[in-house]
PDB file of N, CA and C in Angstrom:
ATOM      1  N   MET A   1     -89.343  79.148 198.761  1.00  0.00           N
ATOM      2  CA  MET A   1     -89.518  80.502 198.315  1.00  0.00           C
ATOM      3  C   MET A   1     -90.846  81.018 198.869  1.00  0.00           C
ATOM      4  N   LYS A   2     -90.849  82.224 199.347  1.00  0.00           N
ATOM      5  CA  LYS A   2     -92.075  82.803 199.889  1.00  0.00           C
ATOM      6  C   LYS A   2     -92.500  84.011 199.066  1.00  0.00           C
ATOM      7  N   ALA A   3     -93.819  84.168 198.969  1.00  0.00           N
ATOM      8  CA  ALA A   3     -94.398  85.325 198.293  1.00  0.00           C
ATOM      9  C   ALA A   3     -95.580  85.798 199.131  1.00  0.00           C
ATOM     10  N   HIS A   4     -95.630  87.074 199.461  1.00  0.00           N
ATOM     11  CA  HIS A   4     -96.707  87.636 200.280  1.00  0.00           C
ATOM     12  C   HIS A   4     -96.852  86.889 201.608  1.00  0.00           C
ATOM     13  N   GLY A   5     -95.726  86.456 202.176  1.00  0.00           N
ATOM     14  CA  GLY A   5     -95.717  85.827 203.483  1.00  0.00           C
ATOM     15  C   GLY A   5     -96.081  84.357 203.523  1.00  0.00           C
ATOM     16  N   CYS A   6     -96.265  83.718 202.366  1.00  0.00           N
ATOM     17  CA  CYS A   6     -96.580  82.290 202.361  1.00  0.00           C
ATOM     18  C   CYS A   6     -95.806  81.603 201.241  1.00  0.00           C
ATOM     19  N   GLU A   7     -95.768  80.284 201.316  1.00  0.00           N
ATOM     20  CA  GLU A   7     -95.099  79.523 200.268  1.00  0.00           C
ATOM     21  C   GLU A   7     -95.781  79.791 198.928  1.00  0.00           C
ATOM     22  N   ILE A   8     -95.009  79.778 197.878  1.00  0.00           N
ATOM     23  CA  ILE A   8     -95.537  80.107 196.562  1.00  0.00           C
ATOM     24  C   ILE A   8     -96.654  79.148 196.144  1.00  0.00           C
ATOM     25  N   TRP A   9     -96.556  77.879 196.567  1.00  0.00           N
ATOM     26  CA  TRP A   9     -97.581  76.889 196.201  1.00  0.00           C
ATOM     27  C   TRP A   9     -98.894  77.191 196.916  1.00  0.00           C
ATOM     28  N   ASP A  10     -98.811  77.666 198.166  1.00  0.00           N
ATOM     29  CA  ASP A  10    -100.019  78.044 198.893  1.00  0.00           C
ATOM     30  C   ASP A  10    -100.675  79.261 198.257  1.00  0.00           C
ATOM     31  N   LEU A  11     -99.856  80.232 197.866  1.00  0.00           N
ATOM     32  CA  LEU A  11    -100.383  81.418 197.191  1.00  0.00           C
ATOM     33  C   LEU A  11    -101.074  81.031 195.886  1.00  0.00           C
ATOM     34  N   ALA A  12    -100.449  80.149 195.134  1.00  0.00           N
ATOM     35  CA  ALA A  12    -101.036  79.719 193.861  1.00  0.00           C
ATOM     36  C   ALA A  12    -102.349  78.967 194.092  1.00  0.00           C
ATOM     37  N   SER A  13    -102.441  78.183 195.153  1.00  0.00           N
ATOM     38  CA  SER A  13    -103.681  77.439 195.401  1.00  0.00           C
ATOM     39  C   SER A  13    -104.819  78.359 195.836  1.00  0.00           C
ATOM     40  N   ARG A  14    -104.483  79.517 196.415  1.00  0.00           N
ATOM     41  CA  ARG A  14    -105.510  80.464 196.872  1.00  0.00           C
ATOM     42  C   ARG A  14    -105.838  81.547 195.858  1.00  0.00           C
ATOM     43  N   ASN A  15    -104.971  81.708 194.862  1.00  0.00           N
ATOM     44  CA  ASN A  15    -105.146  82.814 193.913  1.00  0.00           C
ATOM     45  C   ASN A  15    -105.086  82.267 192.485  1.00  0.00           C
ATOM     46  N   PRO A  16    -106.235  82.012 191.860  1.00  0.00           N
ATOM     47  CA  PRO A  16    -106.259  81.422 190.521  1.00  0.00           C
ATOM     48  C   PRO A  16    -105.542  82.276 189.458  1.00  0.00           C
ATOM     49  N   ASP A  17    -105.616  83.594 189.579  1.00  0.00           N
ATOM     50  CA  ASP A  17    -104.936  84.457 188.604  1.00  0.00           C
ATOM     51  C   ASP A  17    -103.423  84.283 188.695  1.00  0.00           C
ATOM     52  N   PHE A  18    -102.911  84.269 189.928  1.00  0.00           N
ATOM     53  CA  PHE A  18    -101.479  84.054 190.116  1.00  0.00           C
ATOM     54  C   PHE A  18    -101.081  82.662 189.644  1.00  0.00           C
ATOM     55  N   SER A  19    -101.905  81.673 189.960  1.00  0.00           N
ATOM     56  CA  SER A  19    -101.616  80.298 189.565  1.00  0.00           C
ATOM     57  C   SER A  19    -101.472  80.181 188.048  1.00  0.00           C
ATOM     58  N   LYS A  20    -102.396  80.800 187.309  1.00  0.00           N
ATOM     59  CA  LYS A  20    -102.331  80.754 185.848  1.00  0.00           C
ATOM     60  C   LYS A  20    -101.076  81.457 185.338  1.00  0.00           C
ATOM     61  N   LEU A  21    -100.773  82.616 185.895  1.00  0.00           N
ATOM     62  CA  LEU A  21     -99.582  83.363 185.487  1.00  0.00           C
ATOM     63  C   LEU A  21     -98.314  82.548 185.755  1.00  0.00           C
ATOM     64  N   PHE A  22     -98.239  81.956 186.928  1.00  0.00           N
ATOM     65  CA  PHE A  22     -97.080  81.159 187.317  1.00  0.00           C
ATOM     66  C   PHE A  22     -96.932  79.936 186.408  1.00  0.00           C
ATOM     67  N   ASN A  23     -98.026  79.203 186.208  1.00  0.00           N
ATOM     68  CA  ASN A  23     -97.988  78.010 185.362  1.00  0.00           C
ATOM     69  C   ASN A  23     -97.657  78.345 183.911  1.00  0.00           C
ATOM     70  N   ASP A  24     -98.233  79.423 183.399  1.00  0.00           N
ATOM     71  CA  ASP A  24     -97.923  79.844 182.030  1.00  0.00           C
ATOM     72  C   ASP A  24     -96.453  80.227 181.894  1.00  0.00           C
ATOM     73  N   GLY A  25     -95.913  80.877 182.924  1.00  0.00           N
ATOM     74  CA  GLY A  25     -94.497  81.241 182.904  1.00  0.00           C
ATOM     75  C   GLY A  25     -93.594  80.023 182.902  1.00  0.00           C
ATOM     76  N   LEU A  26     -93.930  79.021 183.700  1.00  0.00           N
ATOM     77  CA  LEU A  26     -93.135  77.786 183.718  1.00  0.00           C
ATOM     78  C   LEU A  26     -93.231  77.060 182.385  1.00  0.00           C
ATOM     79  N   ALA A  27     -94.423  77.026 181.803  1.00  0.00           N
ATOM     80  CA  ALA A  27     -94.608  76.355 180.517  1.00  0.00           C
ATOM     81  C   ALA A  27     -93.801  77.052 179.427  1.00  0.00           C
ATOM     82  N   CYS A  28     -93.818  78.369 179.422  1.00  0.00           N
ATOM     83  CA  CYS A  28     -93.061  79.132 178.423  1.00  0.00           C
ATOM     84  C   CYS A  28     -91.563  78.894 178.576  1.00  0.00           C
ATOM     85  N   THR A  29     -91.081  78.927 179.804  1.00  0.00           N
ATOM     86  CA  THR A  29     -89.668  78.687 180.061  1.00  0.00           C
ATOM     87  C   THR A  29     -89.263  77.292 179.601  1.00  0.00           C
ATOM     88  N   SER A  30     -90.105  76.312 179.868  1.00  0.00           N
ATOM     89  CA  SER A  30     -89.818  74.940 179.448  1.00  0.00           C
ATOM     90  C   SER A  30     -89.734  74.833 177.932  1.00  0.00           C
ATOM     91  N   LYS A  31     -90.629  75.506 177.234  1.00  0.00           N
ATOM     92  CA  LYS A  31     -90.615  75.481 175.765  1.00  0.00           C
ATOM     93  C   LYS A  31     -89.335  76.113 175.218  1.00  0.00           C
ATOM     94  N   VAL A  32     -88.935  77.231 175.791  1.00  0.00           N
ATOM     95  CA  VAL A  32     -87.725  77.920 175.327  1.00  0.00           C
ATOM     96  C   VAL A  32     -86.495  77.044 175.563  1.00  0.00           C
ATOM     97  N   ILE A  33     -86.395  76.456 176.746  1.00  0.00           N
ATOM     98  CA  ILE A  33     -85.240  75.619 177.071  1.00  0.00           C
ATOM     99  C   ILE A  33     -85.212  74.370 176.192  1.00  0.00           C
ATOM    100  N   THR A  34     -86.375  73.735 176.006  1.00  0.00           N
ATOM    101  CA  THR A  34     -86.447  72.546 175.163  1.00  0.00           C
ATOM    102  C   THR A  34     -86.047  72.874 173.730  1.00  0.00           C
ATOM    103  N   SER A  35     -86.530  73.988 173.208  1.00  0.00           N
ATOM    104  CA  SER A  35     -86.161  74.403 171.846  1.00  0.00           C
ATOM    105  C   SER A  35     -84.661  74.640 171.724  1.00  0.00           C
ATOM    106  N   ALA A  36     -84.072  75.270 172.739  1.00  0.00           N
ATOM    107  CA  ALA A  36     -82.636  75.539 172.708  1.00  0.00           C
ATOM    108  C   ALA A  36     -81.839  74.239 172.735  1.00  0.00           C
ATOM    109  N   ILE A  37     -82.262  73.289 173.532  1.00  0.00           N
ATOM    110  CA  ILE A  37     -81.562  72.001 173.605  1.00  0.00           C
ATOM    111  C   ILE A  37     -81.680  71.268 172.274  1.00  0.00           C
ATOM    112  N   LEU A  38     -82.902  71.200 171.745  1.00  0.00           N
ATOM    113  CA  LEU A  38     -83.118  70.457 170.509  1.00  0.00           C
ATOM    114  C   LEU A  38     -82.457  71.112 169.300  1.00  0.00           C
ATOM    115  N   SER A  39     -82.311  72.427 169.331  1.00  0.00           N
ATOM    116  CA  SER A  39     -81.669  73.103 168.199  1.00  0.00           C
ATOM    117  C   SER A  39     -80.182  72.747 168.107  1.00  0.00           C
ATOM    118  N   GLY A  40     -79.615  72.271 169.195  1.00  0.00           N
ATOM    119  CA  GLY A  40     -78.219  71.851 169.193  1.00  0.00           C
ATOM    120  C   GLY A  40     -78.000  70.506 168.526  1.00  0.00           C
ATOM    121  N   TYR A  41     -79.065  69.810 168.231  1.00  0.00           N
ATOM    122  CA  TYR A  41     -78.987  68.495 167.616  1.00  0.00           C
ATOM    123  C   TYR A  41     -79.574  68.556 166.218  1.00  0.00           C
ATOM    124  N   LYS A  42     -78.722  68.803 165.237  1.00  0.00           N
ATOM    125  CA  LYS A  42     -79.172  68.997 163.861  1.00  0.00           C
ATOM    126  C   LYS A  42     -79.720  67.729 163.230  1.00  0.00           C
ATOM    127  N   GLN A  43     -79.322  66.563 163.725  1.00  0.00           N
ATOM    128  CA  GLN A  43     -79.791  65.306 163.162  1.00  0.00           C
ATOM    129  C   GLN A  43     -81.149  64.913 163.724  1.00  0.00           C
ATOM    130  N   GLY A  44     -81.632  65.604 164.712  1.00  0.00           N
ATOM    131  CA  GLY A  44     -82.933  65.324 165.282  1.00  0.00           C
ATOM    132  C   GLY A  44     -82.958  64.210 166.308  1.00  0.00           C
ATOM    133  N   SER A  45     -81.809  63.675 166.667  1.00  0.00           N
ATOM    134  CA  SER A  45     -81.784  62.650 167.708  1.00  0.00           C
ATOM    135  C   SER A  45     -80.800  63.046 168.787  1.00  0.00           C
ATOM    136  N   ILE A  46     -81.123  62.668 169.980  1.00  0.00           N
ATOM    137  CA  ILE A  46     -80.287  62.995 171.130  1.00  0.00           C
ATOM    138  C   ILE A  46     -79.645  61.706 171.636  1.00  0.00           C
ATOM    139  N   PRO A  47     -78.316  61.658 171.740  1.00  0.00           N
ATOM    140  CA  PRO A  47     -77.671  60.464 172.291  1.00  0.00           C
ATOM    141  C   PRO A  47     -77.984  60.349 173.787  1.00  0.00           C
ATOM    142  N   LEU A  48     -78.857  59.425 174.126  1.00  0.00           N
ATOM    143  CA  LEU A  48     -79.347  59.331 175.506  1.00  0.00           C
ATOM    144  C   LEU A  48     -78.269  58.977 176.510  1.00  0.00           C
ATOM    145  N   ASP A  49     -77.195  58.316 176.077  1.00  0.00           N
ATOM    146  CA  ASP A  49     -76.162  57.953 177.044  1.00  0.00           C
ATOM    147  C   ASP A  49     -75.524  59.180 177.677  1.00  0.00           C
ATOM    148  N   HIS A  50     -75.582  60.334 177.020  1.00  0.00           N
ATOM    149  CA  HIS A  50     -75.026  61.560 177.592  1.00  0.00           C
ATOM    150  C   HIS A  50     -75.988  62.191 178.603  1.00  0.00           C
ATOM    151  N   TRP A  51     -77.265  61.834 178.545  1.00  0.00           N
ATOM    152  CA  TRP A  51     -78.272  62.446 179.394  1.00  0.00           C
ATOM    153  C   TRP A  51     -78.638  61.576 180.593  1.00  0.00           C
ATOM    154  N   LEU A  52     -78.289  60.293 180.569  1.00  0.00           N
ATOM    155  CA  LEU A  52     -78.657  59.405 181.662  1.00  0.00           C
ATOM    156  C   LEU A  52     -77.811  59.711 182.897  1.00  0.00           C
ATOM    157  N   MET A  53     -78.450  59.651 184.036  1.00  0.00           N
ATOM    158  CA  MET A  53     -77.734  59.944 185.282  1.00  0.00           C
ATOM    159  C   MET A  53     -76.999  58.701 185.775  1.00  0.00           C
ATOM    160  N   SER A  54     -75.872  58.920 186.364  1.00  0.00           N
ATOM    161  CA  SER A  54     -75.132  57.814 186.963  1.00  0.00           C
ATOM    162  C   SER A  54     -75.376  57.817 188.462  1.00  0.00           C
ATOM    163  N   GLU A  55     -74.974  56.754 189.121  1.00  0.00           N
ATOM    164  CA  GLU A  55     -75.135  56.675 190.559  1.00  0.00           C
ATOM    165  C   GLU A  55     -74.196  57.661 191.235  1.00  0.00           C
ATOM    166  N   VAL A  56     -74.556  58.096 192.412  1.00  0.00           N
ATOM    167  CA  VAL A  56     -73.764  59.055 193.156  1.00  0.00           C
ATOM    168  C   VAL A  56     -72.390  58.484 193.421  1.00  0.00           C
ATOM    169  N   GLY A  57     -71.369  59.248 193.118  1.00  0.00           N
ATOM    170  CA  GLY A  57     -70.002  58.827 193.366  1.00  0.00           C
ATOM    171  C   GLY A  57     -69.387  58.039 192.232  1.00  0.00           C
ATOM    172  N   GLN A  58     -70.182  57.670 191.250  1.00  0.00           N
ATOM    173  CA  GLN A  58     -69.663  56.895 190.124  1.00  0.00           C
ATOM    174  C   GLN A  58     -69.145  57.845 189.065  1.00  0.00           C
ATOM    175  N   GLU A  59     -67.951  57.559 188.556  1.00  0.00           N
ATOM    176  CA  GLU A  59     -67.410  58.399 187.488  1.00  0.00           C
ATOM    177  C   GLU A  59     -68.095  58.070 186.184  1.00  0.00           C
ATOM    178  N   VAL A  60     -68.333  59.098 185.400  1.00  0.00           N
ATOM    179  CA  VAL A  60     -68.992  58.913 184.107  1.00  0.00           C
ATOM    180  C   VAL A  60     -67.967  58.773 183.022  1.00  0.00           C
TER     181      VAL A  60
END
């Protein structure tokens, strides 16, 4: 992804204000997604066997 003619990571390394905005946005998104996932589990535990990845080509 490019922003202002350069990769977003390069822009963030050169612009501290943008870096903070970008990082805060990612942190907020992560919190919202995590809350949504955890709210689906009323018992407070997540069955990890459903979340573990299998090898490529292996049926789950």
